[in-house]
Amino acid sequence: MSSLTHDDPRIHGIKTKIRVVPNFPKPGIMFQDITTLLLDPKAFKDTIDLFVERYKGKNISVVAGN
């Protein structure tokens, strides 16, 4: 696997799938819309793989969201 650096081509691929919506929900905010990332199976898998690589061996037992 590639090391976790900004040179990792997966990071570039992921960034190209995140849509930026300027001035939403109000002027001055640059909203980062990840729905376009979620719709791309390869980019989404790369995102998950990078998280796993970054946190593997950190003794994380639970990941929760709301």
PDB file of N, CA and C in Angstrom:
ATOM      1  N   MET A   1       0.834  -1.196   0.000  1.00  0.00           N
ATOM      2  CA  MET A   1       0.000   0.000   0.000  1.00  0.00           C
ATOM      3  C   MET A   1       0.873   1.253   0.000  1.00  0.00           C
ATOM      4  N   SER A   2       0.324   2.312  -0.515  1.00  0.00           N
ATOM      5  CA  SER A   2       1.031   3.593  -0.523  1.00  0.00           C
ATOM      6  C   SER A   2       1.110   4.151   0.887  1.00  0.00           C
ATOM      7  N   SER A   3       2.175   4.874   1.157  1.00  0.00           N
ATOM      8  CA  SER A   3       2.271   5.519   2.457  1.00  0.00           C
ATOM      9  C   SER A   3       1.300   6.696   2.503  1.00  0.00           C
ATOM     10  N   LEU A   4       0.961   7.091   3.694  1.00  0.00           N
ATOM     11  CA  LEU A   4      -0.008   8.174   3.864  1.00  0.00           C
ATOM     12  C   LEU A   4       0.681   9.522   3.743  1.00  0.00           C
ATOM     13  N   THR A   5       0.897   9.943   2.521  1.00  0.00           N
ATOM     14  CA  THR A   5       1.487  11.251   2.264  1.00  0.00           C
ATOM     15  C   THR A   5       0.622  11.980   1.259  1.00  0.00           C
ATOM     16  N   HIS A   6       0.853  13.257   1.128  1.00  0.00           N
ATOM     17  CA  HIS A   6       0.102  14.042   0.151  1.00  0.00           C
ATOM     18  C   HIS A   6       0.459  13.634  -1.273  1.00  0.00           C
ATOM     19  N   ASP A   7       1.520  12.846  -1.438  1.00  0.00           N
ATOM     20  CA  ASP A   7       1.904  12.345  -2.758  1.00  0.00           C
ATOM     21  C   ASP A   7       1.096  11.117  -3.159  1.00  0.00           C
ATOM     22  N   ASP A   8       0.314  10.571  -2.229  1.00  0.00           N
ATOM     23  CA  ASP A   8      -0.485   9.376  -2.505  1.00  0.00           C
ATOM     24  C   ASP A   8      -1.524   9.710  -3.571  1.00  0.00           C
ATOM     25  N   PRO A   9      -1.516   9.014  -4.700  1.00  0.00           N
ATOM     26  CA  PRO A   9      -2.465   9.330  -5.775  1.00  0.00           C
ATOM     27  C   PRO A   9      -3.922   9.148  -5.369  1.00  0.00           C
ATOM     28  N   ARG A  10      -4.167   8.329  -4.353  1.00  0.00           N
ATOM     29  CA  ARG A  10      -5.550   8.154  -3.886  1.00  0.00           C
ATOM     30  C   ARG A  10      -6.096   9.453  -3.312  1.00  0.00           C
ATOM     31  N   ILE A  11      -5.243  10.213  -2.632  1.00  0.00           N
ATOM     32  CA  ILE A  11      -5.691  11.475  -2.043  1.00  0.00           C
ATOM     33  C   ILE A  11      -6.097  12.450  -3.138  1.00  0.00           C
ATOM     34  N   HIS A  12      -5.320  12.525  -4.189  1.00  0.00           N
ATOM     35  CA  HIS A  12      -5.682  13.398  -5.313  1.00  0.00           C
ATOM     36  C   HIS A  12      -7.017  12.954  -5.912  1.00  0.00           C
ATOM     37  N   GLY A  13      -7.193  11.650  -6.104  1.00  0.00           N
ATOM     38  CA  GLY A  13      -8.438  11.134  -6.660  1.00  0.00           C
ATOM     39  C   GLY A  13      -9.637  11.457  -5.791  1.00  0.00           C
ATOM     40  N   ILE A  14      -9.464  11.360  -4.491  1.00  0.00           N
ATOM     41  CA  ILE A  14     -10.546  11.676  -3.552  1.00  0.00           C
ATOM     42  C   ILE A  14     -10.880  13.162  -3.621  1.00  0.00           C
ATOM     43  N   LYS A  15      -9.856  14.001  -3.622  1.00  0.00           N
ATOM     44  CA  LYS A  15     -10.087  15.453  -3.676  1.00  0.00           C
ATOM     45  C   LYS A  15     -10.859  15.861  -4.918  1.00  0.00           C
ATOM     46  N   THR A  16     -10.611  15.185  -6.045  1.00  0.00           N
ATOM     47  CA  THR A  16     -11.316  15.551  -7.276  1.00  0.00           C
ATOM     48  C   THR A  16     -12.786  15.168  -7.234  1.00  0.00           C
ATOM     49  N   LYS A  17     -13.168  14.302  -6.305  1.00  0.00           N
ATOM     50  CA  LYS A  17     -14.561  13.862  -6.198  1.00  0.00           C
ATOM     51  C   LYS A  17     -15.370  14.678  -5.190  1.00  0.00           C
ATOM     52  N   ILE A  18     -14.716  15.572  -4.456  1.00  0.00           N
ATOM     53  CA  ILE A  18     -15.421  16.413  -3.483  1.00  0.00           C
ATOM     54  C   ILE A  18     -15.779  17.728  -4.155  1.00  0.00           C
ATOM     55  N   ARG A  19     -17.080  17.975  -4.239  1.00  0.00           N
ATOM     56  CA  ARG A  19     -17.577  19.181  -4.916  1.00  0.00           C
ATOM     57  C   ARG A  19     -17.576  20.341  -3.926  1.00  0.00           C
ATOM     58  N   VAL A  20     -17.053  21.465  -4.355  1.00  0.00           N
ATOM     59  CA  VAL A  20     -17.034  22.669  -3.524  1.00  0.00           C
ATOM     60  C   VAL A  20     -18.165  23.581  -3.982  1.00  0.00           C
ATOM     61  N   VAL A  21     -19.008  23.975  -3.021  1.00  0.00           N
ATOM     62  CA  VAL A  21     -20.132  24.870  -3.309  1.00  0.00           C
ATOM     63  C   VAL A  21     -19.845  26.190  -2.597  1.00  0.00           C
ATOM     64  N   PRO A  22     -19.396  27.208  -3.347  1.00  0.00           N
ATOM     65  CA  PRO A  22     -19.061  28.480  -2.711  1.00  0.00           C
ATOM     66  C   PRO A  22     -20.296  29.196  -2.171  1.00  0.00           C
ATOM     67  N   ASN A  23     -20.083  29.893  -1.064  1.00  0.00           N
ATOM     68  CA  ASN A  23     -21.120  30.739  -0.455  1.00  0.00           C
ATOM     69  C   ASN A  23     -22.367  29.964  -0.058  1.00  0.00           C
ATOM     70  N   PHE A  24     -22.178  28.741   0.420  1.00  0.00           N
ATOM     71  CA  PHE A  24     -23.306  27.953   0.914  1.00  0.00           C
ATOM     72  C   PHE A  24     -22.958  27.427   2.284  1.00  0.00           C
ATOM     73  N   PRO A  25     -23.806  27.568   3.241  1.00  0.00           N
ATOM     74  CA  PRO A  25     -25.174  28.090   3.210  1.00  0.00           C
ATOM     75  C   PRO A  25     -25.271  29.608   3.326  1.00  0.00           C
ATOM     76  N   LYS A  26     -24.094  30.257   3.474  1.00  0.00           N
ATOM     77  CA  LYS A  26     -24.116  31.723   3.518  1.00  0.00           C
ATOM     78  C   LYS A  26     -22.814  32.246   2.928  1.00  0.00           C
ATOM     79  N   PRO A  27     -22.771  33.508   2.569  1.00  0.00           N
ATOM     80  CA  PRO A  27     -21.566  34.082   1.955  1.00  0.00           C
ATOM     81  C   PRO A  27     -20.314  33.833   2.803  1.00  0.00           C
ATOM     82  N   GLY A  28     -19.253  33.468   2.115  1.00  0.00           N
ATOM     83  CA  GLY A  28     -17.975  33.238   2.785  1.00  0.00           C
ATOM     84  C   GLY A  28     -17.714  31.786   3.158  1.00  0.00           C
ATOM     85  N   ILE A  29     -18.725  30.939   3.096  1.00  0.00           N
ATOM     86  CA  ILE A  29     -18.566  29.522   3.427  1.00  0.00           C
ATOM     87  C   ILE A  29     -18.283  28.743   2.145  1.00  0.00           C
ATOM     88  N   MET A  30     -17.274  27.877   2.194  1.00  0.00           N
ATOM     89  CA  MET A  30     -16.970  26.984   1.069  1.00  0.00           C
ATOM     90  C   MET A  30     -17.409  25.579   1.484  1.00  0.00           C
ATOM     91  N   PHE A  31     -18.640  25.215   1.157  1.00  0.00           N
ATOM     92  CA  PHE A  31     -19.220  23.931   1.548  1.00  0.00           C
ATOM     93  C   PHE A  31     -18.565  22.799   0.759  1.00  0.00           C
ATOM     94  N   GLN A  32     -18.125  21.774   1.454  1.00  0.00           N
ATOM     95  CA  GLN A  32     -17.495  20.608   0.831  1.00  0.00           C
ATOM     96  C   GLN A  32     -18.540  19.493   0.736  1.00  0.00           C
ATOM     97  N   ASP A  33     -19.061  19.260  -0.457  1.00  0.00           N
ATOM     98  CA  ASP A  33     -20.122  18.280  -0.682  1.00  0.00           C
ATOM     99  C   ASP A  33     -19.505  16.926  -1.018  1.00  0.00           C
ATOM    100  N   ILE A  34     -19.684  15.941  -0.125  1.00  0.00           N
ATOM    101  CA  ILE A  34     -19.082  14.626  -0.347  1.00  0.00           C
ATOM    102  C   ILE A  34     -20.019  13.649  -1.050  1.00  0.00           C
ATOM    103  N   THR A  35     -21.230  14.072  -1.423  1.00  0.00           N
ATOM    104  CA  THR A  35     -22.133  13.128  -2.092  1.00  0.00           C
ATOM    105  C   THR A  35     -21.529  12.622  -3.394  1.00  0.00           C
ATOM    106  N   THR A  36     -20.788  13.459  -4.094  1.00  0.00           N
ATOM    107  CA  THR A  36     -20.143  13.021  -5.334  1.00  0.00           C
ATOM    108  C   THR A  36     -19.053  11.983  -5.046  1.00  0.00           C
ATOM    109  N   LEU A  37     -18.415  12.072  -3.891  1.00  0.00           N
ATOM    110  CA  LEU A  37     -17.434  11.072  -3.472  1.00  0.00           C
ATOM    111  C   LEU A  37     -18.126   9.748  -3.158  1.00  0.00           C
ATOM    112  N   LEU A  38     -19.240   9.826  -2.444  1.00  0.00           N
ATOM    113  CA  LEU A  38     -19.962   8.615  -2.055  1.00  0.00           C
ATOM    114  C   LEU A  38     -20.515   7.861  -3.259  1.00  0.00           C
ATOM    115  N   LEU A  39     -20.770   8.556  -4.345  1.00  0.00           N
ATOM    116  CA  LEU A  39     -21.320   7.932  -5.551  1.00  0.00           C
ATOM    117  C   LEU A  39     -20.256   7.265  -6.425  1.00  0.00           C
ATOM    118  N   ASP A  40     -18.985   7.467  -6.100  1.00  0.00           N
ATOM    119  CA  ASP A  40     -17.893   6.882  -6.878  1.00  0.00           C
ATOM    120  C   ASP A  40     -17.298   5.713  -6.081  1.00  0.00           C
ATOM    121  N   PRO A  41     -17.585   4.465  -6.484  1.00  0.00           N
ATOM    122  CA  PRO A  41     -17.136   3.312  -5.689  1.00  0.00           C
ATOM    123  C   PRO A  41     -15.628   3.270  -5.432  1.00  0.00           C
ATOM    124  N   LYS A  42     -14.811   3.586  -6.429  1.00  0.00           N
ATOM    125  CA  LYS A  42     -13.357   3.527  -6.230  1.00  0.00           C
ATOM    126  C   LYS A  42     -12.887   4.607  -5.262  1.00  0.00           C
ATOM    127  N   ALA A  43     -13.364   5.823  -5.448  1.00  0.00           N
ATOM    128  CA  ALA A  43     -12.963   6.917  -4.557  1.00  0.00           C
ATOM    129  C   ALA A  43     -13.436   6.656  -3.129  1.00  0.00           C
ATOM    130  N   PHE A  44     -14.637   6.111  -2.979  1.00  0.00           N
ATOM    131  CA  PHE A  44     -15.160   5.811  -1.646  1.00  0.00           C
ATOM    132  C   PHE A  44     -14.320   4.710  -0.991  1.00  0.00           C
ATOM    133  N   LYS A  45     -13.981   3.666  -1.752  1.00  0.00           N
ATOM    134  CA  LYS A  45     -13.138   2.591  -1.217  1.00  0.00           C
ATOM    135  C   LYS A  45     -11.765   3.133  -0.828  1.00  0.00           C
ATOM    136  N   ASP A  46     -11.190   3.982  -1.674  1.00  0.00           N
ATOM    137  CA  ASP A  46      -9.892   4.581  -1.347  1.00  0.00           C
ATOM    138  C   ASP A  46      -9.968   5.377  -0.049  1.00  0.00           C
ATOM    139  N   THR A  47     -11.070   6.082   0.158  1.00  0.00           N
ATOM    140  CA  THR A  47     -11.262   6.857   1.389  1.00  0.00           C
ATOM    141  C   THR A  47     -11.256   5.939   2.608  1.00  0.00           C
ATOM    142  N   ILE A  48     -12.025   4.856   2.524  1.00  0.00           N
ATOM    143  CA  ILE A  48     -12.087   3.897   3.634  1.00  0.00           C
ATOM    144  C   ILE A  48     -10.709   3.267   3.862  1.00  0.00           C
ATOM    145  N   ASP A  49     -10.047   2.864   2.780  1.00  0.00           N
ATOM    146  CA  ASP A  49      -8.717   2.251   2.909  1.00  0.00           C
ATOM    147  C   ASP A  49      -7.728   3.194   3.592  1.00  0.00           C
ATOM    148  N   LEU A  50      -7.765   4.478   3.244  1.00  0.00           N
ATOM    149  CA  LEU A  50      -6.860   5.444   3.868  1.00  0.00           C
ATOM    150  C   LEU A  50      -7.147   5.600   5.359  1.00  0.00           C
ATOM    151  N   PHE A  51      -8.429   5.605   5.732  1.00  0.00           N
ATOM    152  CA  PHE A  51      -8.771   5.664   7.158  1.00  0.00           C
ATOM    153  C   PHE A  51      -8.242   4.427   7.885  1.00  0.00           C
ATOM    154  N   VAL A  52      -8.438   3.257   7.297  1.00  0.00           N
ATOM    155  CA  VAL A  52      -7.969   2.018   7.925  1.00  0.00           C
ATOM    156  C   VAL A  52      -6.454   2.057   8.096  1.00  0.00           C
ATOM    157  N   GLU A  53      -5.739   2.445   7.047  1.00  0.00           N
ATOM    158  CA  GLU A  53      -4.279   2.514   7.126  1.00  0.00           C
ATOM    159  C   GLU A  53      -3.819   3.509   8.188  1.00  0.00           C
ATOM    160  N   ARG A  54      -4.505   4.631   8.269  1.00  0.00           N
ATOM    161  CA  ARG A  54      -4.096   5.671   9.220  1.00  0.00           C
ATOM    162  C   ARG A  54      -4.302   5.239  10.671  1.00  0.00           C
ATOM    163  N   TYR A  55      -5.404   4.542  10.944  1.00  0.00           N
ATOM    164  CA  TYR A  55      -5.751   4.237  12.327  1.00  0.00           C
ATOM    165  C   TYR A  55      -5.510   2.789  12.736  1.00  0.00           C
ATOM    166  N   LYS A  56      -4.992   1.967  11.823  1.00  0.00           N
ATOM    167  CA  LYS A  56      -4.692   0.577  12.150  1.00  0.00           C
ATOM    168  C   LYS A  56      -3.637   0.537  13.252  1.00  0.00           C
ATOM    169  N   GLY A  57      -3.863  -0.313  14.232  1.00  0.00           N
ATOM    170  CA  GLY A  57      -2.914  -0.446  15.326  1.00  0.00           C
ATOM    171  C   GLY A  57      -3.067   0.606  16.413  1.00  0.00           C
ATOM    172  N   LYS A  58      -4.123   1.418  16.345  1.00  0.00           N
ATOM    173  CA  LYS A  58      -4.332   2.478  17.337  1.00  0.00           C
ATOM    174  C   LYS A  58      -5.269   2.031  18.462  1.00  0.00           C
ATOM    175  N   ASN A  59      -5.616   0.745  18.487  1.00  0.00           N
ATOM    176  CA  ASN A  59      -6.492   0.176  19.515  1.00  0.00           C
ATOM    177  C   ASN A  59      -7.866   0.836  19.563  1.00  0.00           C
ATOM    178  N   ILE A  60      -8.393   1.193  18.401  1.00  0.00           N
ATOM    179  CA  ILE A  60      -9.749   1.735  18.318  1.00  0.00           C
ATOM    180  C   ILE A  60     -10.700   0.555  18.242  1.00  0.00           C
ATOM    181  N   SER A  61     -11.653   0.495  19.169  1.00  0.00           N
ATOM    182  CA  SER A  61     -12.574  -0.641  19.191  1.00  0.00           C
ATOM    183  C   SER A  61     -13.960  -0.296  18.667  1.00  0.00           C
ATOM    184  N   VAL A  62     -14.317   0.994  18.664  1.00  0.00           N
ATOM    185  CA  VAL A  62     -15.650   1.395  18.226  1.00  0.00           C
ATOM    186  C   VAL A  62     -15.558   2.714  17.470  1.00  0.00           C
ATOM    187  N   VAL A  63     -16.317   2.802  16.384  1.00  0.00           N
ATOM    188  CA  VAL A  63     -16.478   4.058  15.664  1.00  0.00           C
ATOM    189  C   VAL A  63     -17.970   4.333  15.635  1.00  0.00           C
ATOM    190  N   ALA A  64     -18.382   5.503  16.109  1.00  0.00           N
ATOM    191  CA  ALA A  64     -19.809   5.825  16.193  1.00  0.00           C
ATOM    192  C   ALA A  64     -20.092   7.151  15.519  1.00  0.00           C
ATOM    193  N   GLY A  65     -21.292   7.300  15.071  1.00  0.00           N
ATOM    194  CA  GLY A  65     -21.706   8.551  14.443  1.00  0.00           C
ATOM    195  C   GLY A  65     -23.138   8.868  14.815  1.00  0.00           C
ATOM    196  N   ASN A  66     -23.526  10.066  14.517  1.00  0.00           N
ATOM    197  CA  ASN A  66     -24.889  10.484  14.830  1.00  0.00           C
ATOM    198  C   ASN A  66     -25.494  11.123  13.617  1.00  0.00           C
TER     199      ASN A  66
END
